[in-house]
Protein backbone atom coordinates (compact mmCIF):
# COMPACT_ATOMS: atom_id res chain seq x y z
CA MET A 1 68.99 43.22 16.47
CA ALA A 2 66.39 45.39 14.41
CA ARG A 3 62.50 43.77 14.32
CA TYR A 4 60.86 43.67 11.50
CA VAL A 5 56.82 43.01 10.99
CA ASP A 6 55.57 42.51 7.47
CA GLY A 7 58.77 43.79 5.97
CA GLN A 8 58.77 46.88 7.95
CA LYS A 9 61.60 47.73 10.37
CA LEU A 10 60.01 48.86 13.88
CA GLY A 11 61.22 51.68 16.07
CA PRO A 12 61.88 51.03 19.91
CA LYS A 13 59.01 50.26 22.35
CA LEU A 14 57.34 52.36 24.90
CA HIS A 15 56.39 50.43 28.27
CA ASP A 16 53.85 51.86 30.55
CA ARG A 17 56.27 53.12 33.33
CA GLU A 18 58.08 54.78 30.87
CA LEU A 19 54.67 56.54 29.46
CA PHE A 20 53.87 57.46 33.23
CA ASP A 21 57.34 59.17 33.66
CA MET A 22 56.73 61.02 30.43
CA LEU A 23 53.18 62.01 31.53
CA GLU A 24 54.36 63.06 35.02
CA GLN A 25 57.37 65.27 33.47
CA HIS A 26 54.60 67.23 31.47
CA LYS A 27 52.34 67.68 34.65
CA ASN A 28 49.79 65.44 32.70
CA GLY A 29 48.32 61.92 33.94
CA PHE A 30 45.65 59.52 32.98
CA VAL A 31 42.00 59.17 34.53
CA ASP A 32 40.99 56.08 32.95
CA TYR A 33 42.63 53.24 31.05
CA TYR A 34 40.99 50.04 29.37
CA ARG A 35 42.05 47.21 26.91
CA SER A 36 41.00 47.58 23.36
CA HIS A 37 42.00 46.69 19.72
CA ILE A 38 42.46 48.61 16.48
CA GLN A 39 42.59 47.71 13.03
CA GLN A 40 45.66 48.87 10.69
CA SER A 41 46.42 47.87 7.29
CA GLY A 42 44.18 44.64 7.51
CA THR A 43 46.03 43.68 10.71
CA ARG A 44 44.27 43.91 14.38
CA TYR A 45 46.41 45.13 17.20
CA TYR A 46 45.63 44.63 20.88
CA GLY A 47 46.74 47.20 23.85
CA THR A 48 46.05 49.41 26.49
CA VAL A 49 44.08 52.92 25.89
CA TYR A 50 44.89 55.51 28.45
CA LYS A 51 42.78 58.67 28.78
CA LEU A 52 44.69 61.67 29.79
CA GLU A 53 43.61 64.29 32.12
CA LYS A 54 44.69 67.10 30.08
CA PRO A 55 45.50 67.78 26.06
CA MET A 56 48.80 66.75 24.97
CA SER A 57 51.50 69.44 24.58
CA GLU A 58 53.44 69.14 20.97
CA GLU A 59 56.61 68.39 22.89
CA LEU A 60 54.85 65.27 24.46
CA LYS A 61 53.25 64.28 21.26
CA THR A 62 56.66 64.62 19.62
CA GLN A 63 58.20 62.31 22.14
CA LEU A 64 55.65 59.82 22.12
CA THR A 65 55.33 59.46 18.30
CA LYS A 66 58.92 58.15 18.25
CA TYR A 67 57.85 54.90 19.55
CA SER A 68 56.66 51.96 17.33
CA ASN A 69 53.79 50.83 19.62
CA VAL A 70 52.31 54.17 20.32
CA ARG A 71 49.19 55.29 18.77
CA LEU A 72 47.43 58.95 19.53
CA PHE A 73 43.60 59.78 19.46
CA LYS A 74 41.36 62.49 20.45
CA GLY A 75 37.66 62.12 21.36
CA HIS A 76 34.92 64.08 22.84
CA ALA A 77 32.01 63.60 25.37
CA GLN A 78 28.93 62.05 23.97
CA TYR A 79 26.48 64.59 24.78
CA ALA A 80 28.99 67.55 25.16
CA PRO A 81 31.04 67.46 21.96
CA GLU A 82 32.90 70.84 23.39
CA ILE A 83 34.52 68.55 26.12
CA LYS A 84 37.68 66.98 24.40
CA PHE A 85 39.99 64.05 25.70
CA ALA A 86 43.36 62.85 24.49
CA TYR A 87 44.17 59.27 24.32
CA VAL A 88 47.59 57.22 24.07
CA MET A 89 47.27 53.71 22.93
CA LEU A 90 50.28 51.45 23.74
CA LEU A 91 49.99 48.07 21.20
CA ASP A 92 51.09 44.82 22.87
CA GLN A 93 50.81 42.47 19.99
CA ARG A 94 49.11 41.59 16.89
CA ILE A 95 45.92 39.97 17.65
CA ALA A 96 46.71 36.53 15.73
CA GLU A 97 49.80 36.46 17.85
CA TRP A 98 47.55 36.85 21.00
CA GLU A 99 45.13 34.51 19.91
CA SER A 100 47.63 31.93 19.02
CA SER A 101 49.63 32.18 22.23
CA LEU A 102 45.98 31.33 24.13
CA TYR A 103 45.99 28.20 22.02
CA ASP A 104 49.86 27.19 22.81
CA GLN A 105 48.76 27.57 26.58
CA ARG A 106 46.50 24.65 26.56
């Protein structure tokens, strides 16, 4: 059954174990991870951000963008802008859903 959010059809979701397997296939890995949120089209999404060891290959980028819960980012070191990093964010759920689930548990 297809999943829809705000009238848009969602594609398949990537899970962390699948991400780790893809990174291993492409001889890449992650050096750090943290929980964060992003805001897109007025909706806040919550997820886990993975900082990669090496830049992503075009093939890996193509693979990752097939999933509806993946966002790709680039960054650089604060005091050495020539040092670049690649990030992959796996979105869990919308913030409104996450907050309401907290209230449901009380």
